[in-house]
PDB file of N, CA and C in Angstrom:
ATOM      1  N   MET A   1     100.902 104.347 102.058  1.00  0.00           N
ATOM      2  CA  MET A   1      99.799 103.893 101.872  1.00  0.00           C
ATOM      3  C   MET A   1      99.028 102.774 102.747  1.00  0.00           C
ATOM      4  N   ARG A   2      97.741 102.807 103.017  1.00  0.00           N
ATOM      5  CA  ARG A   2      97.215 101.860 104.040  1.00  0.00           C
ATOM      6  C   ARG A   2      96.490 100.941 103.093  1.00  0.00           C
ATOM      7  N   ARG A   3      96.071 100.064 104.010  1.00  0.00           N
ATOM      8  CA  ARG A   3      95.121  99.082 103.148  1.00  0.00           C
ATOM      9  C   ARG A   3      93.960  98.645 104.416  1.00  0.00           C
ATOM     10  N   ILE A   4      92.675  98.435 104.107  1.00  0.00           N
ATOM     11  CA  ILE A   4      91.798  98.088 104.734  1.00  0.00           C
ATOM     12  C   ILE A   4      90.855  97.085 104.131  1.00  0.00           C
ATOM     13  N   PRO A   5      90.463  96.093 104.665  1.00  0.00           N
ATOM     14  CA  PRO A   5      89.328  95.142 104.000  1.00  0.00           C
ATOM     15  C   PRO A   5      88.236  95.759 104.278  1.00  0.00           C
ATOM     16  N   ALA A   6      87.354  95.463 103.315  1.00  0.00           N
ATOM     17  CA  ALA A   6      85.808  95.939 103.255  1.00  0.00           C
ATOM     18  C   ALA A   6      84.980  94.667 103.633  1.00  0.00           C
ATOM     19  N   THR A   7      85.048  94.558 104.834  1.00  0.00           N
ATOM     20  CA  THR A   7      84.261  93.271 105.453  1.00  0.00           C
ATOM     21  C   THR A   7      82.793  93.577 105.336  1.00  0.00           C
ATOM     22  N   PRO A   8      81.978  92.921 105.077  1.00  0.00           N
ATOM     23  CA  PRO A   8      82.246  91.333 104.760  1.00  0.00           C
ATOM     24  C   PRO A   8      82.374  91.062 103.300  1.00  0.00           C
ATOM     25  N   TYR A   9      82.737  92.118 102.513  1.00  0.00           N
ATOM     26  CA  TYR A   9      83.068  91.811 101.294  1.00  0.00           C
ATOM     27  C   TYR A   9      84.283  91.536 100.981  1.00  0.00           C
ATOM     28  N   PRO A  10      84.631  90.574  99.723  1.00  0.00           N
ATOM     29  CA  PRO A  10      86.072  90.328  99.543  1.00  0.00           C
ATOM     30  C   PRO A  10      87.006  91.417  98.809  1.00  0.00           C
ATOM     31  N   TYR A  11      86.864  92.781  99.295  1.00  0.00           N
ATOM     32  CA  TYR A  11      87.546  93.625  98.486  1.00  0.00           C
ATOM     33  C   TYR A  11      88.748  94.247  99.678  1.00  0.00           C
ATOM     34  N   LEU A  12      89.735  94.902  98.956  1.00  0.00           N
ATOM     35  CA  LEU A  12      90.736  95.680  99.698  1.00  0.00           C
ATOM     36  C   LEU A  12      90.564  96.982  99.209  1.00  0.00           C
ATOM     37  N   ILE A  13      90.591  98.088 100.095  1.00  0.00           N
ATOM     38  CA  ILE A  13      90.530  99.393  99.851  1.00  0.00           C
ATOM     39  C   ILE A  13      92.064  99.969 100.143  1.00  0.00           C
ATOM     40  N   PHE A  14      92.814 100.596  99.182  1.00  0.00           N
ATOM     41  CA  PHE A  14      94.121 101.118  99.317  1.00  0.00           C
ATOM     42  C   PHE A  14      93.861 102.673  99.592  1.00  0.00           C
ATOM     43  N   TYR A  15      94.337 103.126 100.548  1.00  0.00           N
ATOM     44  CA  TYR A  15      93.965 104.643 100.663  1.00  0.00           C
ATOM     45  C   TYR A  15      95.190 105.228 101.427  1.00  0.00           C
ATOM     46  N   GLU A  16      95.289 106.532 101.356  1.00  0.00           N
ATOM     47  CA  GLU A  16      96.267 107.345 102.033  1.00  0.00           C
ATOM     48  C   GLU A  16      95.808 108.602 102.903  1.00  0.00           C
ATOM     49  N   VAL A  17      96.075 108.776 103.921  1.00  0.00           N
ATOM     50  CA  VAL A  17      95.831 109.950 104.557  1.00  0.00           C
ATOM     51  C   VAL A  17      96.718 111.236 104.409  1.00  0.00           C
ATOM     52  N   SER A  18      96.012 111.951 103.915  1.00  0.00           N
ATOM     53  CA  SER A  18      96.912 113.418 103.573  1.00  0.00           C
ATOM     54  C   SER A  18      96.277 114.529 104.336  1.00  0.00           C
ATOM     55  N   GLY A  19      96.868 115.129 105.397  1.00  0.00           N
ATOM     56  CA  GLY A  19      96.281 116.407 105.927  1.00  0.00           C
ATOM     57  C   GLY A  19      94.955 116.074 106.563  1.00  0.00           C
ATOM     58  N   ASP A  20      93.918 116.570 106.101  1.00  0.00           N
ATOM     59  CA  ASP A  20      92.680 116.580 106.492  1.00  0.00           C
ATOM     60  C   ASP A  20      91.836 115.835 105.293  1.00  0.00           C
ATOM     61  N   GLU A  21      92.425 115.274 104.444  1.00  0.00           N
ATOM     62  CA  GLU A  21      91.613 114.465 103.529  1.00  0.00           C
ATOM     63  C   GLU A  21      92.031 112.966 103.403  1.00  0.00           C
ATOM     64  N   ILE A  22      91.242 112.069 102.887  1.00  0.00           N
ATOM     65  CA  ILE A  22      91.611 110.458 102.717  1.00  0.00           C
ATOM     66  C   ILE A  22      91.572 110.359 101.023  1.00  0.00           C
ATOM     67  N   VAL A  23      92.575 109.871 100.623  1.00  0.00           N
ATOM     68  CA  VAL A  23      92.670 109.679  98.973  1.00  0.00           C
ATOM     69  C   VAL A  23      92.725 108.266  98.828  1.00  0.00           C
ATOM     70  N   VAL A  24      91.542 107.635  98.046  1.00  0.00           N
ATOM     71  CA  VAL A  24      91.408 106.153  97.821  1.00  0.00           C
ATOM     72  C   VAL A  24      92.220 106.129  96.388  1.00  0.00           C
ATOM     73  N   HIS A  25      93.076 105.191  96.460  1.00  0.00           N
ATOM     74  CA  HIS A  25      94.055 104.930  95.387  1.00  0.00           C
ATOM     75  C   HIS A  25      93.462 103.639  94.530  1.00  0.00           C
ATOM     76  N   ALA A  26      92.806 102.826  95.361  1.00  0.00           N
ATOM     77  CA  ALA A  26      92.144 101.398  94.415  1.00  0.00           C
ATOM     78  C   ALA A  26      91.382 100.725  95.435  1.00  0.00           C
ATOM     79  N   VAL A  27      90.448  99.935  94.872  1.00  0.00           N
ATOM     80  CA  VAL A  27      89.518  98.915  95.421  1.00  0.00           C
ATOM     81  C   VAL A  27      89.712  97.893  94.563  1.00  0.00           C
ATOM     82  N   ARG A  28      90.181  96.872  95.194  1.00  0.00           N
ATOM     83  CA  ARG A  28      90.568  95.709  94.595  1.00  0.00           C
ATOM     84  C   ARG A  28      89.941  94.374  95.212  1.00  0.00           C
ATOM     85  N   HIS A  29      89.591  93.466  94.093  1.00  0.00           N
ATOM     86  CA  HIS A  29      89.117  92.201  94.809  1.00  0.00           C
ATOM     87  C   HIS A  29      90.413  91.270  95.442  1.00  0.00           C
ATOM     88  N   SER A  30      89.984  90.811  96.504  1.00  0.00           N
ATOM     89  CA  SER A  30      91.148  90.222  97.439  1.00  0.00           C
ATOM     90  C   SER A  30      91.708  89.082  96.537  1.00  0.00           C
ATOM     91  N   ALA A  31      91.123  88.602  95.556  1.00  0.00           N
ATOM     92  CA  ALA A  31      91.497  87.363  95.139  1.00  0.00           C
ATOM     93  C   ALA A  31      92.419  87.784  93.754  1.00  0.00           C
ATOM     94  N   ARG A  32      92.588  88.783  93.529  1.00  0.00           N
ATOM     95  CA  ARG A  32      93.649  89.260  92.425  1.00  0.00           C
ATOM     96  C   ARG A  32      95.040  88.887  92.802  1.00  0.00           C
ATOM     97  N   ASP A  33      95.901  88.936  91.926  1.00  0.00           N
ATOM     98  CA  ASP A  33      97.146  88.700  91.854  1.00  0.00           C
ATOM     99  C   ASP A  33      97.871  89.873  92.719  1.00  0.00           C
ATOM    100  N   PRO A  34      98.255  89.663  93.967  1.00  0.00           N
ATOM    101  CA  PRO A  34      98.868  90.321  94.705  1.00  0.00           C
ATOM    102  C   PRO A  34      99.974  91.346  94.170  1.00  0.00           C
ATOM    103  N   SER A  35     100.785  90.523  93.279  1.00  0.00           N
ATOM    104  CA  SER A  35     102.062  91.478  92.709  1.00  0.00           C
ATOM    105  C   SER A  35     101.626  92.752  92.063  1.00  0.00           C
ATOM    106  N   ASP A  36     100.547  92.595  91.665  1.00  0.00           N
ATOM    107  CA  ASP A  36     100.000  94.074  90.973  1.00  0.00           C
ATOM    108  C   ASP A  36      99.144  94.981  91.797  1.00  0.00           C
ATOM    109  N   LEU A  37      99.219  94.639  92.937  1.00  0.00           N
ATOM    110  CA  LEU A  37      98.413  95.603  93.904  1.00  0.00           C
ATOM    111  C   LEU A  37      99.259  96.897  94.126  1.00  0.00           C
ATOM    112  N   PRO A  38      98.682  98.096  94.416  1.00  0.00           N
ATOM    113  CA  PRO A  38      99.372  99.181  94.701  1.00  0.00           C
ATOM    114  C   PRO A  38     100.374  99.080  95.841  1.00  0.00           C
ATOM    115  N   GLY A  39     101.311  99.567  95.622  1.00  0.00           N
ATOM    116  CA  GLY A  39     102.538  99.555  96.573  1.00  0.00           C
ATOM    117  C   GLY A  39     103.341  98.274  96.874  1.00  0.00           C
ATOM    118  N   ALA A  40     102.839  97.392  95.876  1.00  0.00           N
ATOM    119  CA  ALA A  40     103.709  95.984  95.971  1.00  0.00           C
ATOM    120  C   ALA A  40     105.140  96.066  95.578  1.00  0.00           C
ATOM    121  N   ASN A  41     105.425  97.019  94.781  1.00  0.00           N
ATOM    122  CA  ASN A  41     106.741  97.229  94.593  1.00  0.00           C
ATOM    123  C   ASN A  41     107.606  98.000  95.279  1.00  0.00           C
ATOM    124  N   GLU A  42     106.941  98.511  96.335  1.00  0.00           N
ATOM    125  CA  GLU A  42     107.734  99.422  97.242  1.00  0.00           C
ATOM    126  C   GLU A  42     108.645  98.640  98.276  1.00  0.00           C
TER     127      GLU A  42
END
């Protein structure tokens, strides 16, 4: 899973590239608790 900031907005986009498609798993505000972000327990 990859993460990219949505500059200039305070959001992070969590996504995965699979073959010829991009799957967005979550869009989260960057001030949220990082322990419950996608992939935090991996």
